[in-house]
Amino acid sequence: MTFRRPECTCQIDREFESLLVPHLEAAAPGSWPGFLEVKNSTVRRVLSGQLEDGQGHSLKVHLKLFRPATLSDRARDALRGSRAAREFENLRECLRRGLPTVRPIAHGRFGNAQGMRSFLITESLDRAEALPRGPIPEAAASSAGELLRQAHDRGLHARDLHPGNILITPSGQLALVDLTSASLANPLEREERARALAFFCQDLDGGLGDPTARPLALAYGADEKLIDQAVRQGRRLRNRALSAFGRRALRACRHSKIESLASGSLYCYSSATDLHAAARAWRPDCPDNETIKSGRRGAVYFQGDLVIKLRPQASAKKLAVASFWLMFAGVHGADPVAVRIGPGQCWFLTRRLPWPNLAEEFARRKPGQESLVSAAGQLGDAVGRMHAHGLRNRDLKFENLVRNPESNRIYMVDLDGMRRHHPLDTRGQAADLGRLLAAYRSSDVKTDPRILRAFLRGYLSSHKSLCLKPASNLYRHSEARAQEWARAHPGRIPAR
């Protein structure tokens, strides 16, 4: 049925008319009293609540409010129709084709002269949660593989279907959600299946070739050729996803938010919410600022748990993007707190790590040899993951590497030299490895061959987990770069 009132139009499944119409008649358009927010982003807001008809009948539902945030959103809605109506029809068509989805109840539009907003109401699944973005439990992975095969065979083209868009109940029942951009047509071709599987497994290191994805691939019925195609597609997706994730540092999303200050603006990051108040309160002329160094790039200050770098605005934003690149690659670094833009100046703020860097540790000879061997393996893994994602660090040295003595985990700091290249470009990889090889050989731990072996073993294992293989001539080029550094720094790095 169609419900109409000033500034609001809604198409309702007749089965739920008695539950929804009283609410629409009593509440103002866009007002949903008693509903709790479960998700909020730049493109949509999701609420959860209960509908009641006053006669003892109730139903728990989810409400999705679409936002026409930009001019392109409004143009797309004008050209293709409301997103709520499209998703409503996609959910109904999935049910007709025998695919498990949340049940659509109603969709509509409300607004005024400033613009219209669409909304979608679906029935909630009791105690359902989204599949994890990463390794999926074996039983759930098998069920997901069966569901994906069923969806692809029945013509569901959902290019953005990832584990977060599949709900699972405590009994193991699965259901598809968030089909706004999906379409239903003929069964998927082989190349389309490979891309869909690659996208679904993009949060796993090795994609569909990852050992944790084996139950999913078996349940799907994927042969080795399809798995290889999906792994290759996953590499391309990973390269594009790295760039897209880096852009999140400079726009409002669930990882960052933009605030206005009296004298500028502040980009705050969710990785360090406990330090946002300190970032807002910090002042360049504060007497508590501890100046660490000052050079051509700018000054570096310490204040409490903050490290503040004075940089040109473009450079400060590049540091924030580089921090997001490391997060995406799974490499540990100092948590980015904020980018603060003031009149004529800009500062990049990170969390202060309280531990000495590797150069200081080697000079003091504090850690035991076993700790150094473990740390070398951790460093090799971090550098390997960085290189496998196409990242290079022209300033990679022991002074910019910090070890957590409790977890023995290595953290990269001072990302001014971070650059992005093609993952197969080995020139920058050899330069990075050459610096570290030379640094290990010049340190006081060079007499223990296990340390260098652990570093190289960690480097190779990181590539293996990402279903990659380093270039065969990489070690030879790294040795040449190490010798060049030895000749260029005769006082610091002895030649072999």
Protein backbone atom coordinates (compact mmCIF):
# COMPACT_ATOMS: atom_id res chain seq x y z
CA MET A 1 0.00 0.00 0.00
CA THR A 2 0.98 3.66 -0.39
CA PHE A 3 0.95 6.01 2.59
CA ARG A 4 0.92 9.75 1.84
CA ARG A 5 1.08 12.79 4.00
CA PRO A 6 2.65 16.24 3.56
CA GLU A 7 6.42 15.91 3.02
CA CYS A 8 6.33 12.08 3.27
CA THR A 9 5.49 9.19 0.93
CA CYS A 10 5.92 5.54 1.86
CA GLN A 11 5.32 2.18 0.16
CA ILE A 12 4.42 -0.43 2.81
CA ASP A 13 4.06 -4.19 2.66
CA ARG A 14 0.37 -4.76 3.52
CA GLU A 15 1.29 -7.36 6.15
CA PHE A 16 2.93 -4.64 8.24
CA GLU A 17 0.41 -1.83 7.61
CA SER A 18 -1.08 -1.88 11.10
CA LEU A 19 2.39 -1.62 12.71
CA LEU A 20 3.90 1.14 10.57
CA VAL A 21 1.04 3.49 9.65
CA PRO A 22 0.34 4.64 13.26
CA HIS A 23 3.97 5.62 13.64
CA LEU A 24 4.04 7.54 10.34
CA GLU A 25 0.83 9.35 11.28
CA ALA A 26 2.04 10.32 14.74
CA ALA A 27 5.70 11.22 14.11
CA ALA A 28 7.15 14.07 12.11
CA PRO A 29 8.95 13.09 8.89
CA GLY A 30 12.44 11.92 9.75
CA SER A 31 11.61 11.55 13.46
CA TRP A 32 11.84 8.04 14.90
CA PRO A 33 11.38 8.25 18.71
CA GLY A 34 12.72 5.32 20.67
CA PHE A 35 15.07 4.17 17.89
CA LEU A 36 18.77 3.78 18.69
CA GLU A 37 21.59 4.59 16.29
CA VAL A 38 23.71 1.57 15.31
CA LYS A 39 25.70 3.08 12.43
CA ASN A 40 26.45 6.54 11.10
CA SER A 41 28.43 7.40 7.98
CA THR A 42 28.59 10.11 5.36
CA VAL A 43 26.10 8.29 3.08
CA ARG A 44 23.67 6.62 5.47
CA ARG A 45 22.48 6.38 9.04
CA VAL A 46 21.12 3.12 10.48
CA LEU A 47 18.75 2.96 13.44
CA SER A 48 17.23 0.06 15.36
CA GLY A 49 13.89 0.07 17.13
CA GLN A 50 10.53 -1.56 17.67
CA LEU A 51 7.19 -0.97 15.94
CA GLU A 52 3.99 -1.45 17.96
CA ASP A 53 0.31 -1.19 16.99
CA GLY A 54 -1.17 -0.72 20.47
CA GLN A 55 -2.82 -4.15 20.41
CA GLY A 56 0.10 -6.16 21.73
CA HIS A 57 1.75 -6.73 18.36
CA SER A 58 5.33 -5.59 17.94
CA LEU A 59 8.18 -6.06 15.51
CA LYS A 60 11.86 -5.24 15.80
CA VAL A 61 13.13 -3.43 12.72
CA HIS A 62 16.15 -1.65 11.29
CA LEU A 63 15.76 1.73 9.63
CA LYS A 64 18.22 2.97 7.04
CA LEU A 65 18.23 6.70 6.29
CA PHE A 66 20.07 7.60 3.10
CA ARG A 67 21.84 10.95 2.91
CA PRO A 68 22.14 13.00 -0.29
CA ALA A 69 25.46 14.28 1.05
CA THR A 70 26.86 15.66 -2.20
CA LEU A 71 25.60 17.05 -5.48
CA SER A 72 26.58 13.78 -7.19
CA ASP A 73 24.36 11.87 -4.71
CA ARG A 74 21.39 14.03 -5.63
CA ALA A 75 22.11 13.65 -9.34
CA ARG A 76 22.41 9.88 -9.01
CA ASP A 77 19.13 9.65 -7.08
CA ALA A 78 17.40 11.83 -9.66
CA LEU A 79 18.70 9.66 -12.52
CA ARG A 80 18.35 6.17 -11.03
CA GLY A 81 15.61 6.69 -8.46
CA SER A 82 15.86 6.58 -4.68
CA ARG A 83 18.41 4.21 -3.17
CA ALA A 84 15.83 2.94 -0.68
CA ALA A 85 13.46 1.88 -3.50
CA ARG A 86 16.29 0.11 -5.34
CA GLU A 87 17.36 -1.83 -2.28
CA PHE A 88 13.75 -2.69 -1.42
CA GLU A 89 13.24 -4.21 -4.88
CA ASN A 90 16.61 -6.02 -4.72
CA LEU A 91 15.69 -7.61 -1.39
CA ARG A 92 12.31 -8.71 -2.71
CA GLU A 93 13.85 -10.16 -5.86
CA CYS A 94 16.44 -12.06 -3.80
CA LEU A 95 13.65 -13.61 -1.75
CA ARG A 96 11.82 -14.58 -4.95
CA ARG A 97 15.00 -16.29 -6.18
CA GLY A 98 15.38 -18.21 -2.93
CA LEU A 99 18.30 -16.19 -1.51
CA PRO A 100 18.23 -15.53 2.27
CA THR A 101 17.96 -11.82 3.03
CA VAL A 102 16.46 -9.61 5.70
CA ARG A 103 12.77 -9.10 4.96
CA PRO A 104 11.91 -5.66 3.45
CA ILE A 105 8.93 -3.94 5.10
CA ALA A 106 8.69 -0.45 3.58
CA HIS A 107 10.51 2.30 1.76
CA GLY A 108 9.76 5.95 1.25
CA ARG A 109 10.91 9.54 0.99
CA PHE A 110 10.57 12.59 3.19
CA GLY A 111 11.89 16.12 3.03
CA ASN A 112 11.16 19.70 2.11
CA ALA A 113 12.25 22.37 -0.34
CA GLN A 114 15.90 21.83 0.65
CA GLY A 115 15.89 18.24 -0.58
CA MET A 116 14.42 14.77 -0.19
CA ARG A 117 15.79 11.84 1.79
CA SER A 118 14.87 8.21 1.25
CA PHE A 119 14.52 5.54 3.92
CA LEU A 120 14.22 1.76 4.06
CA ILE A 121 12.73 -0.38 6.83
CA THR A 122 13.62 -4.07 7.16
CA GLU A 123 12.81 -6.74 9.70
CA SER A 124 15.60 -7.39 12.21
CA LEU A 125 17.10 -10.82 12.73
CA ASP A 126 17.18 -11.81 16.38
CA ARG A 127 20.70 -11.42 17.86
CA ALA A 128 22.28 -11.45 14.40
CA GLU A 129 25.78 -10.10 13.88
CA ALA A 130 27.83 -9.38 10.77
CA LEU A 131 30.57 -11.81 9.78
CA PRO A 132 34.02 -10.59 10.88
CA ARG A 133 36.17 -8.62 8.45
CA GLY A 134 39.15 -10.96 8.49
CA PRO A 135 39.56 -14.65 9.34
CA ILE A 136 36.09 -16.25 9.57
CA PRO A 137 35.39 -19.26 11.82
CA GLU A 138 35.47 -22.49 9.81
CA ALA A 139 31.75 -23.32 10.13
CA ALA A 140 30.70 -19.79 9.20
CA ALA A 141 33.20 -19.73 6.31
CA SER A 142 31.70 -22.93 4.89
CA SER A 143 28.19 -21.49 5.15
CA ALA A 144 29.37 -18.25 3.52
CA GLY A 145 30.93 -20.23 0.64
CA GLU A 146 27.66 -22.06 0.04
CA LEU A 147 25.72 -18.78 0.14
CA LEU A 148 28.10 -17.08 -2.30
CA ARG A 149 27.84 -19.99 -4.75
CA GLN A 150 24.05 -19.90 -4.48
CA ALA A 151 23.98 -16.12 -4.99
CA HIS A 152 26.30 -16.24 -8.02
CA ASP A 153 24.37 -19.12 -9.61
CA ARG A 154 21.11 -17.20 -9.19
CA GLY A 155 22.42 -14.00 -10.74
CA LEU A 156 23.18 -11.69 -7.80
CA HIS A 157 25.68 -9.10 -9.04
CA ALA A 158 26.85 -7.34 -5.86
CA ARG A 159 30.26 -5.83 -6.49
CA ASP A 160 30.57 -4.58 -2.91
CA LEU A 161 29.52 -7.77 -1.11
CA HIS A 162 31.93 -8.31 1.81
CA PRO A 163 31.58 -10.23 5.12
CA GLY A 164 30.12 -7.15 6.83
CA ASN A 165 27.10 -7.41 4.51
CA ILE A 166 26.23 -10.95 5.65
CA LEU A 167 24.48 -11.44 8.98
CA ILE A 168 24.73 -14.64 10.99
CA THR A 169 22.40 -15.66 13.81
CA PRO A 170 23.42 -17.77 16.85
CA SER A 171 21.83 -20.78 15.10
CA GLY A 172 24.10 -20.27 12.07
CA GLN A 173 21.47 -18.80 9.72
CA LEU A 174 22.91 -16.36 7.16
CA ALA A 175 21.18 -13.40 5.52
CA LEU A 176 22.26 -10.81 2.95
CA VAL A 177 21.96 -7.09 3.73
CA ASP A 178 22.95 -3.77 2.12
CA LEU A 179 22.11 -4.53 -1.51
CA THR A 180 21.74 -0.87 -2.58
CA SER A 181 24.17 -1.11 -5.49
CA ALA A 182 23.42 -4.74 -6.40
CA SER A 183 21.52 -6.04 -9.41
CA LEU A 184 19.98 -9.38 -10.31
CA ALA A 185 20.37 -10.84 -13.78
CA ASN A 186 21.95 -13.93 -15.31
CA PRO A 187 24.39 -16.20 -13.41
CA LEU A 188 27.87 -14.72 -13.06
CA GLU A 189 30.58 -15.51 -15.57
CA ARG A 190 33.87 -17.02 -14.38
CA GLU A 191 35.77 -13.71 -14.35
CA GLU A 192 32.94 -12.03 -12.43
CA ARG A 193 32.97 -14.86 -9.88
CA ALA A 194 36.73 -14.48 -9.41
CA ARG A 195 36.39 -10.76 -8.80
CA ALA A 196 33.46 -11.21 -6.40
CA LEU A 197 35.38 -13.83 -4.39
CA ALA A 198 38.48 -11.62 -4.36
CA PHE A 199 36.46 -8.69 -3.02
CA PHE A 200 34.81 -10.85 -0.37
CA CYS A 201 38.22 -12.11 0.83
CA GLN A 202 40.13 -8.84 0.50
CA ASP A 203 40.61 -8.52 4.29
CA LEU A 204 42.58 -11.79 4.36
CA ASP A 205 46.32 -11.56 3.70
CA GLY A 206 46.27 -14.09 0.87
CA GLY A 207 42.74 -13.41 -0.38
CA LEU A 208 40.98 -16.59 -1.53
CA GLY A 209 44.39 -18.33 -1.43
CA ASP A 210 44.76 -17.67 2.31
CA PRO A 211 44.71 -20.87 4.43
CA THR A 212 41.80 -19.48 6.49
CA ALA A 213 39.75 -19.12 3.27
CA ARG A 214 40.13 -22.80 2.39
CA PRO A 215 36.76 -23.86 3.94
CA LEU A 216 35.02 -21.08 1.99
CA ALA A 217 36.65 -22.10 -1.31
CA LEU A 218 35.77 -25.78 -0.75
CA ALA A 219 32.14 -24.98 0.07
CA TYR A 220 31.93 -22.73 -2.98
CA GLY A 221 33.37 -25.48 -5.18
CA ALA A 222 36.18 -23.30 -6.51
CA ASP A 223 38.84 -25.13 -8.54
CA GLU A 224 42.52 -24.18 -8.52
CA LYS A 225 42.18 -22.08 -11.66
CA LEU A 226 39.37 -20.00 -10.15
CA ILE A 227 41.36 -19.58 -6.92
CA ASP A 228 44.39 -18.35 -8.91
CA GLN A 229 42.19 -15.89 -10.80
CA ALA A 230 40.72 -14.62 -7.53
CA VAL A 231 44.19 -14.21 -5.98
CA ARG A 232 45.35 -12.13 -8.98
CA GLN A 233 42.19 -10.04 -8.81
CA GLY A 234 42.80 -9.62 -5.07
CA ARG A 235 46.22 -8.09 -5.71
CA ARG A 236 44.71 -5.49 -8.01
CA LEU A 237 41.97 -4.76 -5.50
CA ARG A 238 44.53 -4.42 -2.72
CA ASN A 239 46.49 -1.81 -4.67
CA ARG A 240 43.36 0.24 -5.29
CA ALA A 241 42.09 -0.25 -1.75
CA LEU A 242 45.38 1.02 -0.29
CA SER A 243 44.99 4.30 -2.16
CA ALA A 244 41.32 4.60 -1.16
CA PHE A 245 42.08 3.87 2.49
CA GLY A 246 44.79 6.54 2.51
CA ARG A 247 42.26 9.13 1.35
CA ARG A 248 40.24 8.48 4.50
CA ALA A 249 42.81 10.50 6.41
CA LEU A 250 41.56 13.66 4.69
CA ARG A 251 37.77 13.22 4.76
CA ALA A 252 35.06 12.58 7.29
CA CYS A 253 34.36 8.86 7.74
CA ARG A 254 34.33 6.29 10.53
CA HIS A 255 38.13 6.56 10.82
CA SER A 256 38.34 10.36 10.94
CA LYS A 257 36.31 13.47 11.56
CA ILE A 258 36.87 17.14 10.77
CA GLU A 259 36.34 19.78 13.45
CA SER A 260 36.41 23.58 13.26
CA LEU A 261 38.60 25.49 15.70
CA ALA A 262 38.74 29.16 16.53
CA SER A 263 41.90 29.50 14.45
CA GLY A 264 41.75 26.74 11.86
CA SER A 265 40.55 23.15 11.61
CA LEU A 266 41.38 19.76 13.08
CA TYR A 267 41.35 16.31 11.46
CA CYS A 268 40.86 13.82 14.33
CA TYR A 269 41.52 10.08 13.92
CA SER A 270 39.72 7.23 15.64
CA SER A 271 43.01 5.41 16.36
CA ALA A 272 43.67 7.76 19.31
CA THR A 273 40.37 9.12 20.61
CA ASP A 274 41.81 9.41 24.12
CA LEU A 275 44.20 12.14 22.91
CA HIS A 276 41.72 14.29 20.95
CA ALA A 277 41.13 16.62 23.90
CA ALA A 278 44.88 17.15 24.27
CA ALA A 279 45.15 17.83 20.53
CA ARG A 280 42.44 20.49 20.74
CA ALA A 281 44.03 22.13 23.78
CA TRP A 282 47.61 22.13 22.49
CA ARG A 283 49.13 25.52 21.69
CA PRO A 284 52.35 26.21 19.76
CA ASP A 285 53.45 28.75 22.40
CA CYS A 286 52.80 26.44 25.38
CA PRO A 287 55.76 26.57 27.82
CA ASP A 288 55.50 22.79 28.35
CA ASN A 289 56.54 22.13 24.76
CA GLU A 290 59.81 20.21 24.64
CA THR A 291 61.66 20.92 21.41
CA ILE A 292 63.37 17.75 20.17
CA LYS A 293 64.83 18.94 16.90
CA SER A 294 64.46 21.61 14.28
CA GLY A 295 65.56 21.41 10.66
CA ARG A 296 64.65 22.14 7.08
CA ARG A 297 61.51 19.97 7.28
CA GLY A 298 60.27 21.69 10.45
CA ALA A 299 60.39 21.32 14.21
CA VAL A 300 59.41 18.36 16.40
CA TYR A 301 57.94 18.83 19.89
CA PHE A 302 57.00 16.57 22.79
CA GLN A 303 54.15 17.40 25.14
CA GLY A 304 52.83 14.71 27.43
CA ASP A 305 51.70 11.77 25.33
CA LEU A 306 51.86 13.75 22.09
CA VAL A 307 54.53 14.10 19.44
CA ILE A 308 53.92 17.25 17.37
CA LYS A 309 55.57 17.83 14.01
CA LEU A 310 55.51 21.26 12.43
CA ARG A 311 55.24 20.81 8.66
CA PRO A 312 53.87 22.61 5.61
CA GLN A 313 50.19 21.76 5.21
CA ALA A 314 50.75 19.44 2.24
CA SER A 315 53.52 17.56 4.07
CA ALA A 316 51.45 17.18 7.26
CA LYS A 317 48.58 15.69 5.27
CA LYS A 318 50.99 13.32 3.50
CA LEU A 319 52.19 12.10 6.90
CA ALA A 320 48.58 11.36 7.89
CA VAL A 321 48.01 9.47 4.62
CA ALA A 322 51.24 7.50 5.17
CA SER A 323 50.03 6.49 8.64
CA PHE A 324 46.81 5.16 7.09
CA TRP A 325 48.85 3.28 4.48
CA LEU A 326 50.77 1.52 7.26
CA MET A 327 47.52 0.63 9.07
CA PHE A 328 46.13 -0.88 5.88
CA ALA A 329 49.33 -2.88 5.31
CA GLY A 330 49.24 -4.25 8.86
CA VAL A 331 52.48 -2.50 9.86
CA HIS A 332 52.63 -0.99 13.34
CA GLY A 333 53.42 2.68 13.77
CA ALA A 334 52.71 5.52 16.16
CA ASP A 335 48.93 6.09 16.26
CA PRO A 336 47.98 9.21 14.28
CA VAL A 337 46.06 11.59 16.56
CA ALA A 338 45.24 14.61 14.41
CA VAL A 339 46.29 17.06 11.75
CA ARG A 340 45.89 20.60 13.05
CA ILE A 341 45.73 23.39 10.50
CA GLY A 342 46.29 26.93 11.73
CA PRO A 343 46.91 30.29 10.08
CA GLY A 344 50.07 29.83 8.02
CA GLN A 345 51.15 26.72 9.95
CA CYS A 346 50.22 23.03 10.20
CA TRP A 347 51.02 20.31 12.71
CA PHE A 348 50.80 16.52 12.58
CA LEU A 349 50.21 14.94 16.00
CA THR A 350 50.89 11.30 16.89
CA ARG A 351 50.95 9.22 20.04
CA ARG A 352 54.28 9.29 21.83
CA LEU A 353 55.90 5.86 22.17
CA PRO A 354 57.75 5.62 25.51
CA TRP A 355 60.42 3.15 24.41
CA PRO A 356 63.96 3.78 23.08
CA ASN A 357 64.69 3.24 19.40
CA LEU A 358 66.71 0.27 18.15
CA ALA A 359 69.89 2.33 17.73
CA GLU A 360 69.78 3.29 21.42
CA GLU A 361 69.04 -0.29 22.46
CA PHE A 362 71.95 -1.65 20.48
CA ALA A 363 74.26 1.03 21.89
CA ARG A 364 73.23 0.25 25.48
CA ARG A 365 73.15 -3.51 24.86
CA LYS A 366 70.09 -3.80 27.09
CA PRO A 367 68.04 -6.50 25.39
CA GLY A 368 69.21 -10.10 25.39
CA GLN A 369 70.21 -11.85 22.20
CA GLU A 370 66.96 -13.84 22.07
CA SER A 371 64.96 -10.61 22.21
CA LEU A 372 67.01 -9.21 19.35
CA VAL A 373 66.44 -12.34 17.25
CA SER A 374 62.68 -12.10 17.82
CA ALA A 375 62.69 -8.36 17.12
CA ALA A 376 64.63 -8.93 13.90
CA GLY A 377 61.94 -11.38 12.73
CA GLN A 378 59.23 -8.84 13.59
CA LEU A 379 61.10 -6.13 11.68
CA GLY A 380 61.52 -8.39 8.65
CA ASP A 381 57.80 -9.13 8.65
CA ALA A 382 56.93 -5.40 8.92
CA VAL A 383 59.27 -4.39 6.09
CA GLY A 384 58.04 -7.29 3.97
CA ARG A 385 54.39 -6.28 4.42
CA MET A 386 55.29 -2.69 3.63
CA HIS A 387 57.04 -3.68 0.40
CA ALA A 388 54.30 -6.12 -0.63
CA HIS A 389 51.82 -3.24 -0.54
CA GLY A 390 54.04 -1.05 -2.71
CA LEU A 391 55.29 1.19 0.11
CA ARG A 392 58.89 2.40 0.41
CA ASN A 393 60.58 4.29 3.24
CA ARG A 394 63.60 6.32 2.18
CA ASP A 395 64.33 7.11 5.83
CA LEU A 396 64.27 3.53 7.15
CA LYS A 397 66.95 3.27 9.86
CA PHE A 398 67.31 2.06 13.43
CA GLU A 399 66.76 5.57 14.79
CA ASN A 400 63.23 5.48 13.32
CA LEU A 401 62.35 2.00 14.64
CA VAL A 402 61.03 1.46 18.16
CA ARG A 403 60.59 -1.86 19.97
CA ASN A 404 57.93 -2.58 22.57
CA PRO A 405 59.83 -4.65 25.18
CA GLU A 406 56.62 -6.40 26.33
CA SER A 407 55.33 -7.63 22.97
CA ASN A 408 58.68 -7.35 21.15
CA ARG A 409 56.75 -5.64 18.37
CA ILE A 410 58.49 -3.17 16.07
CA TYR A 411 56.95 0.26 15.40
CA MET A 412 57.88 2.58 12.53
CA VAL A 413 58.03 6.29 13.36
CA ASP A 414 59.04 9.38 11.38
CA LEU A 415 57.26 8.66 8.08
CA ASP A 416 58.58 11.66 6.13
CA GLY A 417 60.34 9.28 3.73
CA MET A 418 57.28 7.09 3.05
CA ARG A 419 56.37 6.80 -0.64
CA ARG A 420 54.03 4.61 -2.67
CA HIS A 421 55.17 2.70 -5.77
CA HIS A 422 54.12 -0.37 -7.69
CA PRO A 423 54.57 -3.53 -5.58
CA LEU A 424 56.76 -5.09 -8.31
CA ASP A 425 59.17 -2.13 -8.39
CA THR A 426 62.25 -3.65 -6.69
CA ARG A 427 64.57 -0.64 -6.83
CA GLY A 428 63.15 1.02 -3.72
CA GLN A 429 62.84 -2.35 -1.97
CA ALA A 430 66.54 -3.04 -2.48
CA ALA A 431 67.44 0.42 -1.13
CA ASP A 432 65.36 -0.14 2.03
CA LEU A 433 66.81 -3.60 2.63
CA GLY A 434 70.34 -2.40 1.90
CA ARG A 435 70.13 0.27 4.61
CA LEU A 436 68.92 -2.26 7.19
CA LEU A 437 71.48 -4.91 6.21
CA ALA A 438 74.25 -2.35 6.54
CA ALA A 439 72.85 -1.13 9.86
CA TYR A 440 72.73 -4.66 11.31
CA ARG A 441 76.30 -5.33 10.21
CA SER A 442 77.54 -2.08 11.74
CA SER A 443 75.84 -2.69 15.11
CA ASP A 444 77.19 -4.50 18.16
CA VAL A 445 75.05 -7.57 17.40
CA LYS A 446 76.66 -8.38 14.05
CA THR A 447 78.46 -11.38 15.56
CA ASP A 448 75.17 -13.30 15.97
CA PRO A 449 74.18 -14.65 12.53
CA ARG A 450 70.75 -15.67 13.81
CA ILE A 451 69.63 -12.03 13.89
CA LEU A 452 70.14 -11.40 10.19
CA ARG A 453 68.66 -14.80 9.32
CA ALA A 454 65.57 -14.03 11.43
CA PHE A 455 65.15 -10.69 9.64
CA LEU A 456 65.31 -12.28 6.17
CA ARG A 457 63.07 -15.17 7.26
CA GLY A 458 60.45 -12.69 8.51
CA TYR A 459 60.69 -10.76 5.25
CA LEU A 460 60.07 -13.89 3.17
CA SER A 461 57.25 -15.19 5.39
CA SER A 462 55.33 -11.91 5.07
CA HIS A 463 55.37 -12.24 1.28
CA LYS A 464 54.30 -15.88 1.52
CA SER A 465 51.32 -15.01 3.72
CA LEU A 466 50.27 -12.42 1.11
CA CYS A 467 50.59 -15.01 -1.70
CA LEU A 468 53.54 -13.12 -3.20
CA LYS A 469 57.16 -13.95 -3.93
CA PRO A 470 60.05 -11.46 -3.75
CA ALA A 471 62.02 -10.90 -6.94
CA SER A 472 64.82 -13.44 -7.36
CA ASN A 473 67.47 -10.73 -7.71
CA LEU A 474 66.26 -8.64 -4.76
CA TYR A 475 68.83 -9.95 -2.27
CA ARG A 476 71.69 -9.41 -4.72
CA HIS A 477 70.58 -5.81 -5.32
CA SER A 478 70.15 -5.32 -1.56
CA GLU A 479 73.74 -6.44 -0.99
CA ALA A 480 74.93 -3.93 -3.60
CA ARG A 481 72.94 -1.14 -1.87
CA ALA A 482 74.42 -2.19 1.50
CA GLN A 483 77.94 -1.89 0.09
CA GLU A 484 77.14 1.53 -1.34
CA TRP A 485 76.00 2.66 2.09
CA ALA A 486 79.15 1.24 3.65
CA ARG A 487 81.30 3.26 1.26
CA ALA A 488 79.17 6.40 1.69
CA HIS A 489 79.29 6.21 5.51
CA PRO A 490 82.77 4.93 6.33
CA GLY A 491 82.65 6.24 9.90
CA ARG A 492 79.43 4.44 10.72
CA ILE A 493 79.10 1.35 8.57
CA PRO A 494 82.23 -0.78 8.01
CA ALA A 495 82.57 -2.41 4.59
CA ARG A 496 82.51 -6.19 4.55
